[in-house]
Every structure is written in C-alpha cells, then in structure tokens.
Amino acid sequence: MLDCEQVGSPDSLLIILRGPSGAGKSSVAEAVRRRHGRGLSVLGQDVMRRQLLWEKKDVPGGLTPGFITHSAGFLLDAGWPVIVEGILSSTFYRPALQDLVAAHRGRTLLYFLQVELIETFTRHASRPEAAEFSTADMATWFEPDDRLGIPGEVVIPQTSSLRDTVERICRDAQIGARHLGHREPA
C-alpha cells in the first residue's frame, strides 16, 4: 500500500499500538508522548478515520489503512518518531501495516493490548466518549486475539497497569523520563 520502498532512517522510531476498544491505547500513546516531549506524533485511528475521513467504520477498500500508513511514512521521513494507535483490525489493516513495517528503516515496536470483552466494558464506562457508542457496538468490534502475526509483536495482558505498560514501551523505545537525545523537528 505504500508507494515507496523505504521510509524513515536507521535512527527513526515507529510504535504500533493495537487492541480492542477500551483497552487503553489512546491513554498509553498520550502518556508515552508526554514522556518523550515535543516532537513525537500520535496517529490515532479514530481521529484519522472518523474525524478526518468521516468514515463511520472500516470497510473493505476504505481509505483509512493507506491514509494512516502514508501519514506515518511522511512523518518518519521528516524525522519524527511516530505512534500509530487504534483497534487496527487485522482484517482491514494487516496488509498496510505489514508494508509499513517492511518499509521502515528504523526501529519498529509492535504491541497488542490484550483485554477481555467484559474489561473493555468496564474501562469504556469511565471514558469521556462513553456516550458515543454502546457496549453492544463494542461487542460487534471485539476480536479477543487479533494479533498481526508480525515477528516481534508483543502482547501486553490486561493485568498490566497503564503505568507499567507505558514504562515497558518507553524502556523498549529508549525514551527516558527526560528524553534529551532526540532533535525536535523544525
């Protein structure tokens, strides 16, 4: 799906964070961004699909997978570390994400937040957007073990706290409490 053979540089960082609705992906991505500081982009599936493209749901042949991977490639080429986060169902996103991972010349970290359906309901109830969709909607999207099958994909269990998950990703990504080694893009 990418129109180029390579994106990023040997020093670039791509983090792909996937899991069911209510798993905590957006919270984890924002916490990692705060830890990193300015100069790290979060490409959220919900924002890109629902707000920018105004696609209500993923559909075969939809624009969102290519839009996300092209945007990530653009930012990686510009020197920005990137987090791609969302449900990113393997049914619709696997080919695009496989292409992005294969094209990326830097470090790529993949995480799947594995959370059981009943736990997603509990977590959803405390979210600001809880009224936007129901638990019945969530049940139709739920895929309990929707891993991509890409080597290196790490499964993070629901027993991992937000803090522990953020610590794990920051450690893997070599993002410190005060990440000073990164040049902020202009």
C-alpha atoms as a PDB file:
ATOM      1  CA  MET A   1       0.000   0.000   0.000  1.00  0.00           C
ATOM      2  CA  LEU A   2       2.958   2.323   0.450  1.00  0.00           C
ATOM      3  CA  ASP A   3       4.157   3.883  -2.757  1.00  0.00           C
ATOM      4  CA  CYS A   4       7.791   3.814  -1.642  1.00  0.00           C
ATOM      5  CA  GLU A   5      10.262   1.108  -0.804  1.00  0.00           C
ATOM      6  CA  GLN A   6      11.685   2.683   2.348  1.00  0.00           C
ATOM      7  CA  VAL A   7      10.599   5.252   4.917  1.00  0.00           C
ATOM      8  CA  GLY A   8      12.367   6.827   7.843  1.00  0.00           C
ATOM      9  CA  SER A   9      16.036   6.493   8.644  1.00  0.00           C
ATOM     10  CA  PRO A  10      18.135   3.999  10.596  1.00  0.00           C
ATOM     11  CA  ASP A  11      17.503   6.237  13.656  1.00  0.00           C
ATOM     12  CA  SER A  12      13.717   6.614  13.274  1.00  0.00           C
ATOM     13  CA  LEU A  13      11.190   5.110  15.668  1.00  0.00           C
ATOM     14  CA  LEU A  14       7.791   3.630  14.825  1.00  0.00           C
ATOM     15  CA  ILE A  15       5.497   2.268  17.537  1.00  0.00           C
ATOM     16  CA  ILE A  16       2.322   0.431  16.556  1.00  0.00           C
ATOM     17  CA  LEU A  17      -0.144   0.085  19.427  1.00  0.00           C
ATOM     18  CA  ARG A  18      -3.236  -2.053  18.814  1.00  0.00           C
ATOM     19  CA  GLY A  19      -6.025  -3.644  20.806  1.00  0.00           C
ATOM     20  CA  PRO A  20      -9.776  -3.679  21.344  1.00  0.00           C
ATOM     21  CA  SER A  21     -11.890  -0.633  22.076  1.00  0.00           C
ATOM     22  CA  GLY A  22     -11.417   0.409  25.688  1.00  0.00           C
ATOM     23  CA  ALA A  23      -8.053  -1.327  26.063  1.00  0.00           C
ATOM     24  CA  GLY A  24      -6.242   1.931  26.896  1.00  0.00           C
ATOM     25  CA  LYS A  25      -4.377   2.511  23.615  1.00  0.00           C
ATOM     26  CA  SER A  26      -5.008   6.263  23.451  1.00  0.00           C
ATOM     27  CA  SER A  27      -4.107   6.732  27.122  1.00  0.00           C
ATOM     28  CA  VAL A  28      -0.871   4.787  26.652  1.00  0.00           C
ATOM     29  CA  ALA A  29       0.031   6.710  23.474  1.00  0.00           C
ATOM     30  CA  GLU A  30      -0.562  10.083  25.139  1.00  0.00           C
ATOM     31  CA  ALA A  31       1.466   9.082  28.212  1.00  0.00           C
ATOM     32  CA  VAL A  32       4.373   7.951  26.009  1.00  0.00           C
ATOM     33  CA  ARG A  33       4.127  11.253  24.104  1.00  0.00           C
ATOM     34  CA  ARG A  34       4.246  13.247  27.357  1.00  0.00           C
ATOM     35  CA  ARG A  35       7.269  11.221  28.482  1.00  0.00           C
ATOM     36  CA  HIS A  36       9.019  11.883  25.180  1.00  0.00           C
ATOM     37  CA  GLY A  37       8.100  15.559  24.944  1.00  0.00           C
ATOM     38  CA  ARG A  38       7.507  17.603  21.822  1.00  0.00           C
ATOM     39  CA  GLY A  39       8.446  16.054  18.510  1.00  0.00           C
ATOM     40  CA  LEU A  40       6.576  12.729  18.670  1.00  0.00           C
ATOM     41  CA  SER A  41       3.432  12.234  16.611  1.00  0.00           C
ATOM     42  CA  VAL A  42       0.442  10.099  17.577  1.00  0.00           C
ATOM     43  CA  LEU A  43      -1.660   8.942  14.632  1.00  0.00           C
ATOM     44  CA  GLY A  44      -4.924   7.760  16.153  1.00  0.00           C
ATOM     45  CA  GLN A  45      -7.143   5.566  14.015  1.00  0.00           C
ATOM     46  CA  ASP A  46     -10.280   7.138  15.496  1.00  0.00           C
ATOM     47  CA  VAL A  47      -9.188  10.664  14.602  1.00  0.00           C
ATOM     48  CA  MET A  48      -7.981   9.768  11.128  1.00  0.00           C
ATOM     49  CA  ARG A  49     -10.925   7.549  10.201  1.00  0.00           C
ATOM     50  CA  ARG A  50     -13.893   9.142  11.970  1.00  0.00           C
ATOM     51  CA  GLN A  51     -12.883  12.800  12.052  1.00  0.00           C
ATOM     52  CA  LEU A  52     -10.619  13.419   9.074  1.00  0.00           C
ATOM     53  CA  LEU A  53     -12.111  10.971   6.564  1.00  0.00           C
ATOM     54  CA  TRP A  54     -15.581  10.827   8.120  1.00  0.00           C
ATOM     55  CA  GLU A  55     -15.745   7.069   7.661  1.00  0.00           C
ATOM     56  CA  LYS A  56     -18.069   5.637  10.320  1.00  0.00           C
ATOM     57  CA  LYS A  57     -16.493   2.186  10.265  1.00  0.00           C
ATOM     58  CA  ASP A  58     -13.808   0.240   8.491  1.00  0.00           C
ATOM     59  CA  VAL A  59     -14.939  -1.154   5.169  1.00  0.00           C
ATOM     60  CA  PRO A  60     -13.211  -3.265   2.515  1.00  0.00           C
ATOM     61  CA  GLY A  61     -11.303  -0.894   0.249  1.00  0.00           C
ATOM     62  CA  GLY A  62     -11.644   2.008   2.718  1.00  0.00           C
ATOM     63  CA  LEU A  63      -9.100   4.833   2.687  1.00  0.00           C
ATOM     64  CA  THR A  64      -8.053   4.708   6.327  1.00  0.00           C
ATOM     65  CA  PRO A  65      -5.347   1.988   6.262  1.00  0.00           C
ATOM     66  CA  GLY A  66      -3.458   3.689   3.426  1.00  0.00           C
ATOM     67  CA  PHE A  67      -4.037   7.156   4.894  1.00  0.00           C
ATOM     68  CA  ILE A  68      -2.557   6.094   8.226  1.00  0.00           C
ATOM     69  CA  THR A  69       0.471   4.322   6.745  1.00  0.00           C
ATOM     70  CA  HIS A  70       1.203   7.120   4.253  1.00  0.00           C
ATOM     71  CA  SER A  71       0.946   9.696   7.046  1.00  0.00           C
ATOM     72  CA  ALA A  72       3.275   7.625   9.233  1.00  0.00           C
ATOM     73  CA  GLY A  73       5.773   7.290   6.369  1.00  0.00           C
ATOM     74  CA  PHE A  74       5.669  11.043   5.745  1.00  0.00           C
ATOM     75  CA  LEU A  75       6.357  11.815   9.411  1.00  0.00           C
ATOM     76  CA  LEU A  76       9.108   9.192   9.685  1.00  0.00           C
ATOM     77  CA  ASP A  77      10.766  10.669   6.588  1.00  0.00           C
ATOM     78  CA  ALA A  78      10.567  14.104   8.248  1.00  0.00           C
ATOM     79  CA  GLY A  79      12.452  12.770  11.288  1.00  0.00           C
ATOM     80  CA  TRP A  80       9.510  12.417  13.673  1.00  0.00           C
ATOM     81  CA  PRO A  81       9.054   9.381  15.888  1.00  0.00           C
ATOM     82  CA  VAL A  82       5.519   8.040  15.316  1.00  0.00           C
ATOM     83  CA  ILE A  83       2.963   6.093  17.326  1.00  0.00           C
ATOM     84  CA  VAL A  84       0.162   4.547  15.272  1.00  0.00           C
ATOM     85  CA  GLU A  85      -2.651   3.558  17.619  1.00  0.00           C
ATOM     86  CA  GLY A  86      -6.107   2.081  17.254  1.00  0.00           C
ATOM     87  CA  ILE A  87      -8.078  -1.112  17.059  1.00  0.00           C
ATOM     88  CA  LEU A  88      -6.443  -1.512  13.633  1.00  0.00           C
ATOM     89  CA  SER A  89      -8.250  -4.783  12.972  1.00  0.00           C
ATOM     90  CA  SER A  90      -6.037  -7.286  11.200  1.00  0.00           C
ATOM     91  CA  THR A  91      -8.885  -7.911   8.750  1.00  0.00           C
ATOM     92  CA  PHE A  92      -8.571  -4.387   7.345  1.00  0.00           C
ATOM     93  CA  TYR A  93      -5.106  -3.173   8.419  1.00  0.00           C
ATOM     94  CA  ARG A  94      -2.714  -6.149   8.253  1.00  0.00           C
ATOM     95  CA  PRO A  95      -1.521  -5.572   4.636  1.00  0.00           C
ATOM     96  CA  ALA A  96      -0.978  -1.840   5.149  1.00  0.00           C
ATOM     97  CA  LEU A  97       0.789  -2.301   8.482  1.00  0.00           C
ATOM     98  CA  GLN A  98       2.947  -5.134   7.110  1.00  0.00           C
ATOM     99  CA  ASP A  99       4.001  -2.843   4.248  1.00  0.00           C
ATOM    100  CA  LEU A 100       4.801  -0.015   6.667  1.00  0.00           C
ATOM    101  CA  VAL A 101       6.846  -2.281   8.939  1.00  0.00           C
ATOM    102  CA  ALA A 102       8.728  -3.736   5.947  1.00  0.00           C
ATOM    103  CA  ALA A 103       9.448  -0.265   4.535  1.00  0.00           C
ATOM    104  CA  HIS A 104      10.579   1.315   7.811  1.00  0.00           C
ATOM    105  CA  ARG A 105      14.375   1.522   8.061  1.00  0.00           C
ATOM    106  CA  GLY A 106      14.497   2.318  11.786  1.00  0.00           C
ATOM    107  CA  ARG A 107      13.281   0.628  14.953  1.00  0.00           C
ATOM    108  CA  THR A 108       9.721  -0.675  14.876  1.00  0.00           C
ATOM    109  CA  LEU A 109       7.933  -1.774  18.040  1.00  0.00           C
ATOM    110  CA  LEU A 110       4.553  -3.545  17.856  1.00  0.00           C
ATOM    111  CA  TYR A 111       2.223  -4.020  20.803  1.00  0.00           C
ATOM    112  CA  PHE A 112      -1.157  -5.693  21.157  1.00  0.00           C
ATOM    113  CA  LEU A 113      -3.077  -4.796  24.321  1.00  0.00           C
ATOM    114  CA  GLN A 114      -4.986  -7.982  25.045  1.00  0.00           C
ATOM    115  CA  VAL A 115      -8.055  -7.144  27.112  1.00  0.00           C
ATOM    116  CA  GLU A 116     -11.130  -9.314  27.655  1.00  0.00           C
ATOM    117  CA  LEU A 117     -14.539  -8.070  26.490  1.00  0.00           C
ATOM    118  CA  ILE A 118     -16.019  -7.565  29.958  1.00  0.00           C
ATOM    119  CA  GLU A 119     -12.977  -5.489  30.967  1.00  0.00           C
ATOM    120  CA  THR A 120     -13.375  -3.272  27.876  1.00  0.00           C
ATOM    121  CA  PHE A 121     -16.942  -2.530  29.016  1.00  0.00           C
ATOM    122  CA  THR A 122     -15.717  -1.522  32.465  1.00  0.00           C
ATOM    123  CA  ARG A 123     -12.997   0.723  31.055  1.00  0.00           C
ATOM    124  CA  HIS A 124     -15.326   2.230  28.452  1.00  0.00           C
ATOM    125  CA  ALA A 125     -17.808   3.361  31.110  1.00  0.00           C
ATOM    126  CA  SER A 126     -15.216   5.785  32.533  1.00  0.00           C
ATOM    127  CA  ARG A 127     -14.213   7.332  29.182  1.00  0.00           C
ATOM    128  CA  PRO A 128     -15.337  10.820  28.131  1.00  0.00           C
ATOM    129  CA  GLU A 129     -16.685   9.380  24.847  1.00  0.00           C
ATOM    130  CA  ALA A 130     -18.722   6.649  26.601  1.00  0.00           C
ATOM    131  CA  ALA A 131     -21.990   8.035  25.204  1.00  0.00           C
ATOM    132  CA  GLU A 132     -20.731   7.928  21.598  1.00  0.00           C
ATOM    133  CA  PHE A 133     -21.172   4.150  21.291  1.00  0.00           C
ATOM    134  CA  SER A 134     -22.650   1.335  23.321  1.00  0.00           C
ATOM    135  CA  THR A 135     -21.280  -1.858  24.780  1.00  0.00           C
ATOM    136  CA  ALA A 136     -23.364  -3.658  22.126  1.00  0.00           C
ATOM    137  CA  ASP A 137     -21.393  -1.747  19.466  1.00  0.00           C
ATOM    138  CA  MET A 138     -18.145  -2.671  21.200  1.00  0.00           C
ATOM    139  CA  ALA A 139     -19.118  -6.345  21.256  1.00  0.00           C
ATOM    140  CA  THR A 140     -19.501  -6.340  17.462  1.00  0.00           C
ATOM    141  CA  TRP A 141     -15.958  -4.930  17.037  1.00  0.00           C
ATOM    142  CA  PHE A 142     -14.319  -7.154  19.629  1.00  0.00           C
ATOM    143  CA  GLU A 143     -11.654  -9.581  18.458  1.00  0.00           C
ATOM    144  CA  PRO A 144     -10.021 -11.227  21.502  1.00  0.00           C
ATOM    145  CA  ASP A 145      -6.713 -12.225  19.928  1.00  0.00           C
ATOM    146  CA  ASP A 146      -6.329 -10.084  16.827  1.00  0.00           C
ATOM    147  CA  ARG A 147      -2.557 -10.158  16.575  1.00  0.00           C
ATOM    148  CA  LEU A 148      -0.954  -9.247  13.251  1.00  0.00           C
ATOM    149  CA  GLY A 149       1.449 -12.175  13.253  1.00  0.00           C
ATOM    150  CA  ILE A 150       4.386  -9.885  12.511  1.00  0.00           C
ATOM    151  CA  PRO A 151       7.613 -11.020  14.198  1.00  0.00           C
ATOM    152  CA  GLY A 152       8.360  -9.045  17.350  1.00  0.00           C
ATOM    153  CA  GLU A 153       4.741  -8.214  18.185  1.00  0.00           C
ATOM    154  CA  VAL A 154       4.469  -8.024  21.979  1.00  0.00           C
ATOM    155  CA  VAL A 155       1.245  -8.967  23.754  1.00  0.00           C
ATOM    156  CA  ILE A 156       0.549  -6.867  26.851  1.00  0.00           C
ATOM    157  CA  PRO A 157      -2.033  -8.508  29.138  1.00  0.00           C
ATOM    158  CA  GLN A 158      -4.906  -6.629  30.771  1.00  0.00           C
ATOM    159  CA  THR A 159      -3.185  -7.126  34.135  1.00  0.00           C
ATOM    160  CA  SER A 160      -0.531  -4.610  33.065  1.00  0.00           C
ATOM    161  CA  SER A 161      -1.383  -1.215  34.573  1.00  0.00           C
ATOM    162  CA  LEU A 162      -1.274   1.964  32.492  1.00  0.00           C
ATOM    163  CA  ARG A 163       1.928   2.929  34.275  1.00  0.00           C
ATOM    164  CA  ASP A 164       3.561  -0.475  33.707  1.00  0.00           C
ATOM    165  CA  THR A 165       2.557  -0.503  30.041  1.00  0.00           C
ATOM    166  CA  VAL A 166       3.937   2.992  29.483  1.00  0.00           C
ATOM    167  CA  GLU A 167       7.148   2.073  31.321  1.00  0.00           C
ATOM    168  CA  ARG A 168       7.555  -1.043  29.155  1.00  0.00           C
ATOM    169  CA  ILE A 169       7.084   0.851  25.896  1.00  0.00           C
ATOM    170  CA  CYS A 170       9.332   3.741  26.957  1.00  0.00           C
ATOM    171  CA  ARG A 171      12.045   1.290  28.020  1.00  0.00           C
ATOM    172  CA  ASP A 172      11.768  -0.624  24.733  1.00  0.00           C
ATOM    173  CA  ALA A 173      11.774   2.639  22.755  1.00  0.00           C
ATOM    174  CA  GLN A 174      14.623   4.073  24.836  1.00  0.00           C
ATOM    175  CA  ILE A 175      12.546   7.068  25.878  1.00  0.00           C
ATOM    176  CA  GLY A 176      13.713   8.313  29.268  1.00  0.00           C
ATOM    177  CA  ALA A 177      11.988  10.468  31.833  1.00  0.00           C
ATOM    178  CA  ARG A 178      13.682  13.397  30.122  1.00  0.00           C
ATOM    179  CA  HIS A 179      14.379  12.216  26.611  1.00  0.00           C
ATOM    180  CA  LEU A 180      17.226  14.539  25.644  1.00  0.00           C
ATOM    181  CA  GLY A 181      18.760  12.594  22.771  1.00  0.00           C
ATOM    182  CA  HIS A 182      16.071  13.468  20.221  1.00  0.00           C
ATOM    183  CA  ARG A 183      16.344  16.508  17.980  1.00  0.00           C
ATOM    184  CA  GLU A 184      12.995  18.260  17.876  1.00  0.00           C
ATOM    185  CA  PRO A 185      11.827  18.619  14.279  1.00  0.00           C
ATOM    186  CA  ALA A 186      11.532  22.175  12.992  1.00  0.00           C
END
